[in-house]
Amino acid sequence: MIRVLIIDDHQMFMEGIQSLLAEVPDILLCGKASRAEIGLRWLATEQVEVILLDIDMPDMGGLELLPILTRKHPDTAVIMLTLHRDGETIKRCLETGAKGFLLKDTDKTELLLAIRSVAEGGQYYAREVSSSLLSLLASAEENHQAFLSAREQEVLTLIAEGLSSAEIATQLGLGTHTIHTYRKNLLRKFSVSNTAALVMEAIRQGYLQADPRNE
């Protein structure tokens, strides 16, 4: 069963999501929060696999709440909900650790696909914003620039500090297997085969600062 929490300040929208998920056997909407602080209090005692998070909320917007969620609940996938289609908003969500991005007028089929995809460890971005996402990735590729999430940047920094996977896992509160996966993804993104080359390439691209003692 995939447990889901929705954080959105529009009551009718939340009720619509609840209605869409009501008869889905493998997905349970187990919590609704109209404000960021309510969502955080709810998560302090309950655990979910997926959070549906509205970008635009009056007390604390989704882009402000997202890094808090990814830090406190790293094993929970966050799907951003919005009416925005611009590339910069998508980029900010990706860099902050979002696993999915859905427009608020999405249909039931796409909503279920997104929830199941991120719950299984994947990513999902609405068809309507895929072109913007591809443009961002293409731009990064043209500039030979890796495209990192906030968590990948965090792991990269700790790797550069000489920490082992076990030490990084302990510091970030993650599993060692998860850190091994991050290491593998970083090697792939920077097109290198070992840690030393990874650090050198990350410095070249501006993701890490060179140690002045080595200059």
N, C-alpha and C. Protein backbone atom coordinates (compact mmCIF):
# COMPACT_ATOMS: atom_id res chain seq x y z
N MET A 1 0.84 -1.19 0.00
CA MET A 1 0.00 0.00 0.00
C MET A 1 0.88 1.25 0.00
N ILE A 2 0.62 2.17 -0.91
CA ILE A 2 1.36 3.43 -0.98
C ILE A 2 0.59 4.47 -0.18
N ARG A 3 1.20 4.94 0.90
CA ARG A 3 0.56 5.94 1.75
C ARG A 3 0.92 7.34 1.25
N VAL A 4 -0.09 8.20 1.13
CA VAL A 4 0.09 9.52 0.52
C VAL A 4 -0.42 10.61 1.46
N LEU A 5 0.33 11.71 1.53
CA LEU A 5 -0.10 12.93 2.21
C LEU A 5 -0.18 14.04 1.19
N ILE A 6 -1.24 14.85 1.22
CA ILE A 6 -1.33 16.02 0.36
C ILE A 6 -1.27 17.28 1.21
N ILE A 7 -0.43 18.23 0.80
CA ILE A 7 -0.31 19.53 1.47
C ILE A 7 -0.70 20.60 0.46
N ASP A 8 -1.87 21.19 0.66
CA ASP A 8 -2.42 22.13 -0.32
C ASP A 8 -3.44 23.02 0.40
N ASP A 9 -3.47 24.29 0.08
CA ASP A 9 -4.37 25.19 0.80
C ASP A 9 -5.75 25.31 0.14
N HIS A 10 -6.00 24.56 -0.93
CA HIS A 10 -7.29 24.59 -1.60
C HIS A 10 -8.09 23.35 -1.20
N GLN A 11 -9.08 23.54 -0.35
CA GLN A 11 -9.85 22.43 0.20
C GLN A 11 -10.55 21.62 -0.89
N MET A 12 -11.13 22.32 -1.87
CA MET A 12 -11.85 21.61 -2.93
C MET A 12 -10.91 20.75 -3.76
N PHE A 13 -9.68 21.24 -3.97
CA PHE A 13 -8.70 20.45 -4.73
C PHE A 13 -8.33 19.19 -3.95
N MET A 14 -8.10 19.34 -2.65
CA MET A 14 -7.76 18.17 -1.84
C MET A 14 -8.89 17.15 -1.83
N GLU A 15 -10.11 17.65 -1.77
CA GLU A 15 -11.25 16.73 -1.79
C GLU A 15 -11.36 16.02 -3.13
N GLY A 16 -10.98 16.74 -4.21
CA GLY A 16 -10.98 16.11 -5.52
C GLY A 16 -9.96 15.00 -5.62
N ILE A 17 -8.76 15.22 -5.06
CA ILE A 17 -7.73 14.18 -5.04
C ILE A 17 -8.20 13.00 -4.20
N GLN A 18 -8.83 13.29 -3.07
CA GLN A 18 -9.35 12.23 -2.21
C GLN A 18 -10.37 11.38 -2.96
N SER A 19 -11.22 12.04 -3.73
CA SER A 19 -12.22 11.33 -4.50
C SER A 19 -11.57 10.45 -5.58
N LEU A 20 -10.55 10.98 -6.24
CA LEU A 20 -9.86 10.23 -7.29
C LEU A 20 -9.19 8.97 -6.73
N LEU A 21 -8.68 9.07 -5.51
CA LEU A 21 -7.93 7.95 -4.93
C LEU A 21 -8.79 7.00 -4.10
N ALA A 22 -10.04 7.35 -3.89
CA ALA A 22 -10.88 6.61 -2.96
C ALA A 22 -11.01 5.13 -3.28
N GLU A 23 -11.07 4.77 -4.54
CA GLU A 23 -11.30 3.38 -4.91
C GLU A 23 -10.07 2.72 -5.53
N VAL A 24 -8.91 3.32 -5.32
CA VAL A 24 -7.66 2.75 -5.84
C VAL A 24 -7.09 1.80 -4.78
N PRO A 25 -6.99 0.52 -5.05
CA PRO A 25 -6.65 -0.46 -4.01
C PRO A 25 -5.23 -0.36 -3.44
N ASP A 26 -4.27 0.15 -4.24
CA ASP A 26 -2.89 0.15 -3.77
C ASP A 26 -2.40 1.51 -3.30
N ILE A 27 -3.28 2.52 -3.26
CA ILE A 27 -2.89 3.86 -2.84
C ILE A 27 -3.88 4.36 -1.78
N LEU A 28 -3.35 4.87 -0.68
CA LEU A 28 -4.20 5.37 0.40
C LEU A 28 -3.85 6.82 0.70
N LEU A 29 -4.80 7.73 0.53
CA LEU A 29 -4.62 9.11 0.96
C LEU A 29 -4.89 9.14 2.46
N CYS A 30 -3.84 9.14 3.25
CA CYS A 30 -4.01 9.00 4.69
C CYS A 30 -3.91 10.32 5.44
N GLY A 31 -3.62 11.42 4.72
CA GLY A 31 -3.53 12.70 5.40
C GLY A 31 -3.72 13.87 4.46
N LYS A 32 -4.35 14.94 4.99
CA LYS A 32 -4.53 16.18 4.25
C LYS A 32 -4.12 17.34 5.15
N ALA A 33 -3.35 18.28 4.61
CA ALA A 33 -2.91 19.43 5.38
C ALA A 33 -3.08 20.69 4.53
N SER A 34 -3.73 21.68 5.11
CA SER A 34 -4.00 22.92 4.36
C SER A 34 -2.87 23.93 4.47
N ARG A 35 -1.92 23.69 5.38
CA ARG A 35 -0.77 24.59 5.54
C ARG A 35 0.49 23.77 5.79
N ALA A 36 1.63 24.39 5.51
CA ALA A 36 2.91 23.71 5.65
C ALA A 36 3.12 23.23 7.09
N GLU A 37 2.83 24.08 8.06
CA GLU A 37 3.08 23.72 9.46
C GLU A 37 2.23 22.53 9.89
N ILE A 38 1.00 22.44 9.35
CA ILE A 38 0.15 21.30 9.68
C ILE A 38 0.75 20.02 9.09
N GLY A 39 1.25 20.12 7.86
CA GLY A 39 1.88 18.97 7.23
C GLY A 39 3.10 18.48 8.00
N LEU A 40 3.91 19.42 8.49
CA LEU A 40 5.11 19.05 9.25
C LEU A 40 4.73 18.39 10.57
N ARG A 41 3.71 18.91 11.23
CA ARG A 41 3.26 18.29 12.48
C ARG A 41 2.73 16.88 12.23
N TRP A 42 2.00 16.72 11.15
CA TRP A 42 1.45 15.41 10.80
C TRP A 42 2.58 14.42 10.55
N LEU A 43 3.61 14.86 9.83
CA LEU A 43 4.73 13.98 9.48
C LEU A 43 5.60 13.64 10.69
N ALA A 44 5.47 14.41 11.75
CA ALA A 44 6.25 14.13 12.96
C ALA A 44 5.80 12.83 13.63
N THR A 45 4.58 12.40 13.34
CA THR A 45 4.06 11.18 13.98
C THR A 45 3.64 10.10 12.99
N GLU A 46 3.53 10.46 11.72
CA GLU A 46 3.08 9.51 10.71
C GLU A 46 4.13 9.39 9.60
N GLN A 47 4.09 8.26 8.90
CA GLN A 47 5.04 8.02 7.81
C GLN A 47 4.28 7.76 6.52
N VAL A 48 4.75 8.37 5.43
CA VAL A 48 4.15 8.15 4.12
C VAL A 48 5.25 7.90 3.10
N GLU A 49 4.85 7.34 1.98
CA GLU A 49 5.80 7.10 0.90
C GLU A 49 5.85 8.28 -0.08
N VAL A 50 4.71 8.99 -0.22
CA VAL A 50 4.62 10.06 -1.21
C VAL A 50 3.92 11.27 -0.60
N ILE A 51 4.45 12.47 -0.90
CA ILE A 51 3.80 13.72 -0.52
C ILE A 51 3.44 14.49 -1.78
N LEU A 52 2.18 14.90 -1.89
CA LEU A 52 1.75 15.79 -2.97
C LEU A 52 1.79 17.20 -2.40
N LEU A 53 2.64 18.07 -2.95
CA LEU A 53 2.91 19.36 -2.35
C LEU A 53 2.60 20.51 -3.30
N ASP A 54 1.72 21.41 -2.86
CA ASP A 54 1.37 22.59 -3.64
C ASP A 54 2.52 23.59 -3.59
N ILE A 55 2.88 24.16 -4.73
CA ILE A 55 3.95 25.16 -4.75
C ILE A 55 3.50 26.46 -4.12
N ASP A 56 2.27 26.89 -4.41
CA ASP A 56 1.79 28.19 -3.95
C ASP A 56 0.88 28.05 -2.74
N MET A 57 1.41 28.40 -1.56
CA MET A 57 0.62 28.41 -0.34
C MET A 57 0.92 29.69 0.43
N PRO A 58 -0.03 30.20 1.19
CA PRO A 58 0.13 31.51 1.82
C PRO A 58 1.15 31.57 2.95
N ASP A 59 1.22 30.55 3.81
CA ASP A 59 2.11 30.66 4.97
C ASP A 59 3.55 30.31 4.62
N MET A 60 3.73 29.21 3.94
CA MET A 60 5.05 28.78 3.47
C MET A 60 4.85 28.07 2.15
N GLY A 61 5.46 28.59 1.08
CA GLY A 61 5.28 28.00 -0.24
C GLY A 61 5.96 26.65 -0.34
N GLY A 62 5.56 25.89 -1.35
CA GLY A 62 6.12 24.57 -1.54
C GLY A 62 7.62 24.56 -1.77
N LEU A 63 8.13 25.59 -2.45
CA LEU A 63 9.56 25.65 -2.70
C LEU A 63 10.35 25.92 -1.42
N GLU A 64 9.73 26.56 -0.44
CA GLU A 64 10.37 26.76 0.86
C GLU A 64 10.26 25.49 1.71
N LEU A 65 9.14 24.81 1.60
CA LEU A 65 8.92 23.61 2.40
C LEU A 65 9.69 22.41 1.86
N LEU A 66 9.88 22.34 0.56
CA LEU A 66 10.51 21.18 -0.07
C LEU A 66 11.86 20.82 0.53
N PRO A 67 12.81 21.76 0.70
CA PRO A 67 14.11 21.37 1.29
C PRO A 67 13.99 20.87 2.72
N ILE A 68 12.99 21.35 3.46
CA ILE A 68 12.77 20.87 4.82
C ILE A 68 12.31 19.41 4.78
N LEU A 69 11.41 19.13 3.85
CA LEU A 69 10.90 17.76 3.71
C LEU A 69 11.99 16.79 3.28
N THR A 70 12.80 17.20 2.30
CA THR A 70 13.84 16.30 1.80
C THR A 70 14.93 16.07 2.84
N ARG A 71 15.13 17.04 3.74
CA ARG A 71 16.12 16.87 4.80
C ARG A 71 15.58 16.02 5.93
N LYS A 72 14.35 16.28 6.37
CA LYS A 72 13.78 15.55 7.50
C LYS A 72 13.21 14.18 7.12
N HIS A 73 12.78 14.06 5.87
CA HIS A 73 12.15 12.81 5.43
C HIS A 73 12.75 12.38 4.08
N PRO A 74 14.03 12.03 4.07
CA PRO A 74 14.74 11.75 2.80
C PRO A 74 14.20 10.56 2.03
N ASP A 75 13.52 9.64 2.71
CA ASP A 75 13.01 8.45 2.04
C ASP A 75 11.59 8.63 1.50
N THR A 76 11.04 9.84 1.68
CA THR A 76 9.70 10.13 1.18
C THR A 76 9.80 10.94 -0.11
N ALA A 77 9.13 10.48 -1.16
CA ALA A 77 9.18 11.15 -2.46
C ALA A 77 8.16 12.29 -2.49
N VAL A 78 8.58 13.45 -3.01
CA VAL A 78 7.70 14.61 -3.08
C VAL A 78 7.36 14.90 -4.54
N ILE A 79 6.07 15.02 -4.80
CA ILE A 79 5.58 15.44 -6.12
C ILE A 79 5.03 16.85 -5.98
N MET A 80 5.55 17.77 -6.76
CA MET A 80 5.09 19.16 -6.71
C MET A 80 3.81 19.32 -7.53
N LEU A 81 2.87 20.07 -7.00
CA LEU A 81 1.61 20.37 -7.68
C LEU A 81 1.56 21.86 -8.00
N THR A 82 1.26 22.22 -9.24
CA THR A 82 1.29 23.62 -9.60
C THR A 82 0.54 23.89 -10.89
N LEU A 83 0.33 25.16 -11.17
CA LEU A 83 -0.17 25.59 -12.47
C LEU A 83 0.96 26.14 -13.32
N HIS A 84 2.15 26.26 -12.74
CA HIS A 84 3.30 26.83 -13.46
C HIS A 84 3.87 25.81 -14.45
N ARG A 85 4.26 26.29 -15.59
CA ARG A 85 4.85 25.43 -16.61
C ARG A 85 6.25 25.89 -17.02
N ASP A 86 6.76 26.94 -16.38
CA ASP A 86 8.03 27.52 -16.82
C ASP A 86 9.22 26.67 -16.37
N GLY A 87 10.26 26.71 -17.19
CA GLY A 87 11.44 25.89 -16.93
C GLY A 87 12.15 26.23 -15.64
N GLU A 88 12.15 27.51 -15.25
CA GLU A 88 12.88 27.90 -14.05
C GLU A 88 12.25 27.28 -12.80
N THR A 89 10.91 27.23 -12.76
CA THR A 89 10.23 26.61 -11.62
C THR A 89 10.56 25.12 -11.55
N ILE A 90 10.54 24.46 -12.70
CA ILE A 90 10.88 23.04 -12.76
C ILE A 90 12.31 22.82 -12.27
N LYS A 91 13.22 23.67 -12.74
CA LYS A 91 14.63 23.56 -12.37
C LYS A 91 14.81 23.69 -10.85
N ARG A 92 14.13 24.65 -10.26
CA ARG A 92 14.24 24.85 -8.81
C ARG A 92 13.71 23.64 -8.05
N CYS A 93 12.63 23.08 -8.54
CA CYS A 93 12.07 21.88 -7.89
C CYS A 93 13.05 20.71 -7.97
N LEU A 94 13.64 20.51 -9.13
CA LEU A 94 14.60 19.43 -9.31
C LEU A 94 15.81 19.61 -8.41
N GLU A 95 16.34 20.82 -8.38
CA GLU A 95 17.54 21.08 -7.59
C GLU A 95 17.28 20.92 -6.10
N THR A 96 16.03 21.09 -5.69
CA THR A 96 15.70 21.01 -4.27
C THR A 96 15.28 19.61 -3.85
N GLY A 97 15.19 18.69 -4.79
CA GLY A 97 14.95 17.30 -4.43
C GLY A 97 13.59 16.72 -4.77
N ALA A 98 12.76 17.45 -5.51
CA ALA A 98 11.46 16.91 -5.90
C ALA A 98 11.65 15.70 -6.82
N LYS A 99 10.80 14.70 -6.67
CA LYS A 99 10.84 13.51 -7.51
C LYS A 99 9.80 13.55 -8.62
N GLY A 100 8.86 14.49 -8.52
CA GLY A 100 7.82 14.57 -9.54
C GLY A 100 7.27 15.97 -9.64
N PHE A 101 6.57 16.22 -10.74
CA PHE A 101 6.05 17.55 -11.03
C PHE A 101 4.77 17.38 -11.83
N LEU A 102 3.64 17.74 -11.22
CA LEU A 102 2.35 17.58 -11.89
C LEU A 102 1.60 18.91 -11.95
N LEU A 103 0.92 19.12 -13.06
CA LEU A 103 0.03 20.26 -13.16
C LEU A 103 -1.28 19.93 -12.44
N LYS A 104 -1.92 20.95 -11.90
CA LYS A 104 -3.11 20.71 -11.08
C LYS A 104 -4.31 20.23 -11.88
N ASP A 105 -4.26 20.38 -13.19
CA ASP A 105 -5.38 19.90 -14.01
C ASP A 105 -5.10 18.50 -14.57
N THR A 106 -4.14 17.77 -13.97
CA THR A 106 -3.82 16.43 -14.44
C THR A 106 -5.02 15.49 -14.28
N ASP A 107 -5.05 14.45 -15.08
CA ASP A 107 -6.14 13.49 -14.97
C ASP A 107 -5.76 12.34 -14.02
N LYS A 108 -6.71 11.49 -13.73
CA LYS A 108 -6.51 10.41 -12.76
C LYS A 108 -5.42 9.45 -13.21
N THR A 109 -5.40 9.13 -14.50
CA THR A 109 -4.41 8.18 -15.01
C THR A 109 -2.99 8.67 -14.76
N GLU A 110 -2.75 9.94 -15.05
CA GLU A 110 -1.40 10.48 -14.85
C GLU A 110 -1.06 10.61 -13.37
N LEU A 111 -2.03 10.99 -12.56
CA LEU A 111 -1.81 11.10 -11.12
C LEU A 111 -1.37 9.76 -10.54
N LEU A 112 -2.08 8.70 -10.90
CA LEU A 112 -1.73 7.37 -10.38
C LEU A 112 -0.37 6.91 -10.88
N LEU A 113 -0.08 7.20 -12.13
CA LEU A 113 1.21 6.83 -12.70
C LEU A 113 2.34 7.55 -11.98
N ALA A 114 2.14 8.83 -11.69
CA ALA A 114 3.16 9.61 -10.99
C ALA A 114 3.40 9.08 -9.59
N ILE A 115 2.33 8.83 -8.85
CA ILE A 115 2.46 8.34 -7.48
C ILE A 115 3.18 6.99 -7.45
N ARG A 116 2.78 6.08 -8.33
CA ARG A 116 3.40 4.76 -8.34
C ARG A 116 4.87 4.84 -8.78
N SER A 117 5.16 5.72 -9.73
CA SER A 117 6.54 5.84 -10.23
C SER A 117 7.49 6.32 -9.14
N VAL A 118 7.12 7.38 -8.42
CA VAL A 118 8.03 7.92 -7.40
C VAL A 118 8.09 7.01 -6.18
N ALA A 119 7.00 6.31 -5.88
CA ALA A 119 7.00 5.38 -4.75
C ALA A 119 7.96 4.23 -4.98
N GLU A 120 8.19 3.90 -6.24
CA GLU A 120 9.12 2.81 -6.60
C GLU A 120 10.54 3.30 -6.78
N GLY A 121 10.77 4.59 -6.46
CA GLY A 121 12.12 5.13 -6.56
C GLY A 121 12.42 5.87 -7.84
N GLY A 122 11.43 6.01 -8.72
CA GLY A 122 11.65 6.72 -9.96
C GLY A 122 11.28 8.19 -9.88
N GLN A 123 11.17 8.82 -11.03
CA GLN A 123 10.76 10.21 -11.14
C GLN A 123 9.62 10.32 -12.14
N TYR A 124 8.83 11.37 -12.00
CA TYR A 124 7.74 11.56 -12.95
C TYR A 124 7.47 13.04 -13.16
N TYR A 125 7.42 13.45 -14.42
CA TYR A 125 7.13 14.84 -14.76
C TYR A 125 6.02 14.88 -15.79
N ALA A 126 5.06 15.75 -15.56
CA ALA A 126 3.88 15.84 -16.40
C ALA A 126 4.25 16.01 -17.87
N ARG A 127 3.45 15.41 -18.71
CA ARG A 127 3.72 15.49 -20.15
C ARG A 127 3.85 16.93 -20.62
N GLU A 128 3.01 17.81 -20.05
CA GLU A 128 2.99 19.20 -20.50
C GLU A 128 4.26 19.97 -20.16
N VAL A 129 5.02 19.48 -19.16
CA VAL A 129 6.24 20.19 -18.79
C VAL A 129 7.49 19.44 -19.23
N SER A 130 7.31 18.31 -19.88
CA SER A 130 8.46 17.51 -20.30
C SER A 130 9.36 18.27 -21.27
N SER A 131 8.78 19.07 -22.16
CA SER A 131 9.59 19.80 -23.13
C SER A 131 10.47 20.82 -22.43
N SER A 132 9.94 21.47 -21.39
CA SER A 132 10.74 22.43 -20.62
C SER A 132 11.87 21.72 -19.90
N LEU A 133 11.56 20.56 -19.35
CA LEU A 133 12.57 19.77 -18.64
C LEU A 133 13.66 19.31 -19.60
N LEU A 134 13.27 18.83 -20.77
CA LEU A 134 14.25 18.38 -21.75
C LEU A 134 15.14 19.53 -22.21
N SER A 135 14.57 20.72 -22.33
CA SER A 135 15.35 21.89 -22.73
C SER A 135 16.41 22.21 -21.69
N LEU A 136 16.04 22.09 -20.42
CA LEU A 136 16.99 22.34 -19.35
C LEU A 136 18.13 21.33 -19.39
N LEU A 137 17.78 20.06 -19.54
CA LEU A 137 18.80 19.01 -19.59
C LEU A 137 19.69 19.16 -20.81
N ALA A 138 19.09 19.54 -21.94
CA ALA A 138 19.86 19.73 -23.16
C ALA A 138 20.84 20.88 -23.00
N SER A 139 20.40 21.94 -22.36
CA SER A 139 21.27 23.09 -22.12
C SER A 139 22.44 22.71 -21.24
N ALA A 140 22.16 21.92 -20.21
CA ALA A 140 23.23 21.46 -19.33
C ALA A 140 24.22 20.59 -20.09
N GLU A 141 23.69 19.73 -20.98
CA GLU A 141 24.55 18.85 -21.77
C GLU A 141 25.43 19.65 -22.71
N GLU A 142 24.86 20.67 -23.35
CA GLU A 142 25.63 21.50 -24.28
C GLU A 142 26.78 22.20 -23.58
N ASN A 143 26.57 22.56 -22.33
CA ASN A 143 27.59 23.26 -21.56
C ASN A 143 28.48 22.29 -20.77
N HIS A 144 28.31 20.97 -21.06
CA HIS A 144 29.07 19.93 -20.37
C HIS A 144 28.93 20.08 -18.86
N GLN A 145 27.71 20.44 -18.43
CA GLN A 145 27.45 20.68 -17.01
C GLN A 145 26.55 19.58 -16.47
N ALA A 146 26.98 18.97 -15.37
CA ALA A 146 26.14 17.97 -14.72
C ALA A 146 24.92 18.66 -14.12
N PHE A 147 23.85 17.89 -13.94
CA PHE A 147 22.60 18.44 -13.39
C PHE A 147 22.32 17.70 -12.10
N LEU A 148 22.56 18.36 -10.96
CA LEU A 148 22.49 17.68 -9.67
C LEU A 148 21.29 18.12 -8.84
N SER A 149 20.73 17.18 -8.11
CA SER A 149 19.71 17.50 -7.12
C SER A 149 20.41 18.01 -5.87
N ALA A 150 19.63 18.56 -4.94
CA ALA A 150 20.20 19.07 -3.70
C ALA A 150 20.87 17.94 -2.91
N ARG A 151 20.26 16.76 -2.88
CA ARG A 151 20.83 15.63 -2.14
C ARG A 151 22.13 15.16 -2.79
N GLU A 152 22.16 15.12 -4.13
CA GLU A 152 23.39 14.72 -4.83
C GLU A 152 24.52 15.69 -4.53
N GLN A 153 24.22 16.99 -4.47
CA GLN A 153 25.22 17.99 -4.13
C GLN A 153 25.75 17.75 -2.72
N GLU A 154 24.85 17.41 -1.82
CA GLU A 154 25.23 17.15 -0.43
C GLU A 154 26.17 15.95 -0.34
N VAL A 155 25.81 14.87 -1.04
CA VAL A 155 26.65 13.66 -1.03
C VAL A 155 28.00 13.95 -1.68
N LEU A 156 27.99 14.70 -2.78
CA LEU A 156 29.23 15.05 -3.48
C LEU A 156 30.17 15.81 -2.56
N THR A 157 29.64 16.76 -1.80
CA THR A 157 30.47 17.55 -0.89
C THR A 157 31.12 16.67 0.18
N LEU A 158 30.36 15.72 0.70
CA LEU A 158 30.90 14.83 1.73
C LEU A 158 31.92 13.86 1.15
N ILE A 159 31.70 13.44 -0.09
CA ILE A 159 32.70 12.59 -0.76
C ILE A 159 34.01 13.36 -0.89
N ALA A 160 33.91 14.62 -1.29
CA ALA A 160 35.11 15.45 -1.45
C ALA A 160 35.84 15.66 -0.13
N GLU A 161 35.09 15.59 0.98
CA GLU A 161 35.71 15.74 2.30
C GLU A 161 36.38 14.45 2.78
N GLY A 162 36.27 13.40 1.96
CA GLY A 162 36.95 12.15 2.26
C GLY A 162 36.16 11.16 3.07
N LEU A 163 34.86 11.39 3.25
CA LEU A 163 34.05 10.46 4.04
C LEU A 163 33.74 9.20 3.24
N SER A 164 33.68 8.08 3.94
CA SER A 164 33.29 6.82 3.31
C SER A 164 31.78 6.79 3.13
N SER A 165 31.30 5.82 2.36
CA SER A 165 29.85 5.69 2.16
C SER A 165 29.13 5.46 3.49
N ALA A 166 29.73 4.65 4.36
CA ALA A 166 29.12 4.37 5.66
C ALA A 166 29.06 5.65 6.50
N GLU A 167 30.11 6.45 6.46
CA GLU A 167 30.14 7.70 7.23
C GLU A 167 29.13 8.70 6.69
N ILE A 168 29.00 8.77 5.36
CA ILE A 168 28.02 9.68 4.75
C ILE A 168 26.61 9.23 5.11
N ALA A 169 26.38 7.92 5.07
CA ALA A 169 25.07 7.39 5.41
C ALA A 169 24.69 7.77 6.84
N THR A 170 25.63 7.64 7.75
CA THR A 170 25.37 7.99 9.15
C THR A 170 25.08 9.47 9.30
N GLN A 171 25.87 10.30 8.65
CA GLN A 171 25.71 11.75 8.77
C GLN A 171 24.37 12.24 8.20
N LEU A 172 23.94 11.62 7.09
CA LEU A 172 22.71 12.06 6.44
C LEU A 172 21.48 11.27 6.89
N GLY A 173 21.70 10.25 7.70
CA GLY A 173 20.58 9.45 8.17
C GLY A 173 19.98 8.58 7.07
N LEU A 174 20.83 8.12 6.14
CA LEU A 174 20.38 7.28 5.03
C LEU A 174 21.05 5.91 5.13
N GLY A 175 20.59 4.99 4.30
CA GLY A 175 21.21 3.67 4.25
C GLY A 175 22.48 3.69 3.41
N THR A 176 23.41 2.80 3.73
CA THR A 176 24.66 2.72 2.97
C THR A 176 24.39 2.39 1.51
N HIS A 177 23.42 1.51 1.26
CA HIS A 177 23.06 1.17 -0.12
C HIS A 177 22.61 2.40 -0.89
N THR A 178 21.86 3.27 -0.22
CA THR A 178 21.40 4.51 -0.87
C THR A 178 22.57 5.39 -1.25
N ILE A 179 23.57 5.48 -0.39
CA ILE A 179 24.75 6.30 -0.68
C ILE A 179 25.53 5.70 -1.84
N HIS A 180 25.64 4.36 -1.88
CA HIS A 180 26.31 3.71 -3.01
C HIS A 180 25.60 4.08 -4.32
N THR A 181 24.27 4.14 -4.28
CA THR A 181 23.51 4.52 -5.48
C THR A 181 23.81 5.95 -5.88
N TYR A 182 23.87 6.86 -4.90
CA TYR A 182 24.21 8.25 -5.19
C TYR A 182 25.61 8.35 -5.81
N ARG A 183 26.56 7.60 -5.26
CA ARG A 183 27.92 7.61 -5.80
C ARG A 183 27.92 7.17 -7.27
N LYS A 184 27.19 6.09 -7.54
CA LYS A 184 27.13 5.57 -8.91
C LYS A 184 26.52 6.59 -9.86
N ASN A 185 25.45 7.25 -9.41
CA ASN A 185 24.80 8.26 -10.25
C ASN A 185 25.71 9.46 -10.49
N LEU A 186 26.47 9.84 -9.47
CA LEU A 186 27.39 10.98 -9.63
C LEU A 186 28.50 10.65 -10.63
N LEU A 187 29.04 9.44 -10.53
CA LEU A 187 30.07 9.03 -11.50
C LEU A 187 29.52 9.07 -12.92
N ARG A 188 28.28 8.61 -13.08
CA ARG A 188 27.66 8.61 -14.40
C ARG A 188 27.43 10.03 -14.90
N LYS A 189 26.90 10.90 -14.03
CA LYS A 189 26.58 12.27 -14.45
C LYS A 189 27.83 13.06 -14.83
N PHE A 190 28.94 12.79 -14.15
CA PHE A 190 30.18 13.52 -14.45
C PHE A 190 31.06 12.76 -15.46
N SER A 191 30.56 11.61 -15.91
CA SER A 191 31.26 10.80 -16.93
C SER A 191 32.68 10.45 -16.49
N VAL A 192 32.81 9.99 -15.24
CA VAL A 192 34.11 9.58 -14.71
C VAL A 192 33.96 8.18 -14.11
N SER A 193 35.11 7.58 -13.75
CA SER A 193 35.05 6.18 -13.29
C SER A 193 35.53 5.97 -11.87
N ASN A 194 36.02 7.02 -11.21
CA ASN A 194 36.49 6.84 -9.84
C ASN A 194 36.30 8.13 -9.05
N THR A 195 36.49 8.03 -7.73
CA THR A 195 36.22 9.15 -6.84
C THR A 195 37.14 10.33 -7.09
N ALA A 196 38.43 10.06 -7.32
CA ALA A 196 39.38 11.15 -7.55
C ALA A 196 38.99 11.97 -8.78
N ALA A 197 38.63 11.26 -9.86
CA ALA A 197 38.23 11.96 -11.08
C ALA A 197 36.91 12.71 -10.87
N LEU A 198 36.03 12.13 -10.05
CA LEU A 198 34.77 12.78 -9.75
C LEU A 198 35.00 14.13 -9.07
N VAL A 199 35.85 14.15 -8.08
CA VAL A 199 36.12 15.39 -7.34
C VAL A 199 36.77 16.42 -8.26
N MET A 200 37.72 16.00 -9.06
CA MET A 200 38.40 16.92 -9.98
C MET A 200 37.41 17.53 -10.97
N GLU A 201 36.53 16.70 -11.53
CA GLU A 201 35.57 17.19 -12.52
C GLU A 201 34.54 18.09 -11.86
N ALA A 202 34.13 17.75 -10.63
CA ALA A 202 33.17 18.59 -9.91
C ALA A 202 33.76 19.96 -9.61
N ILE A 203 35.05 20.02 -9.30
CA ILE A 203 35.73 21.30 -9.09
C ILE A 203 35.77 22.09 -10.39
N ARG A 204 36.08 21.40 -11.49
CA ARG A 204 36.16 22.07 -12.79
C ARG A 204 34.83 22.70 -13.19
N GLN A 205 33.74 21.99 -12.88
CA GLN A 205 32.42 22.49 -13.25
C GLN A 205 31.84 23.46 -12.23
N GLY A 206 32.54 23.68 -11.13
CA GLY A 206 32.09 24.67 -10.17
C GLY A 206 31.20 24.16 -9.06
N TYR A 207 31.05 22.82 -8.94
CA TYR A 207 30.22 22.26 -7.88
C TYR A 207 30.97 22.14 -6.56
N LEU A 208 32.30 22.19 -6.62
CA LEU A 208 33.13 22.13 -5.44
C LEU A 208 34.20 23.21 -5.53
N GLN A 209 34.64 23.67 -4.37
CA GLN A 209 35.74 24.63 -4.33
C GLN A 209 37.05 23.88 -4.18
N ALA A 210 38.07 24.31 -4.95
CA ALA A 210 39.38 23.69 -4.83
C ALA A 210 39.98 24.03 -3.46
N ASP A 211 40.66 23.07 -2.87
CA ASP A 211 41.33 23.30 -1.60
C ASP A 211 42.54 24.21 -1.84
N PRO A 212 42.56 25.43 -1.27
CA PRO A 212 43.67 26.35 -1.52
C PRO A 212 45.01 25.79 -1.08
N ARG A 213 45.02 24.82 -0.15
CA ARG A 213 46.29 24.23 0.30
C ARG A 213 46.94 23.42 -0.79
N ASN A 214 46.12 23.01 -1.80
CA ASN A 214 46.67 22.20 -2.89
C ASN A 214 47.05 23.04 -4.09
N GLU A 215 46.87 24.37 -4.00
CA GLU A 215 47.15 25.23 -5.16
C GLU A 215 48.59 25.74 -5.10
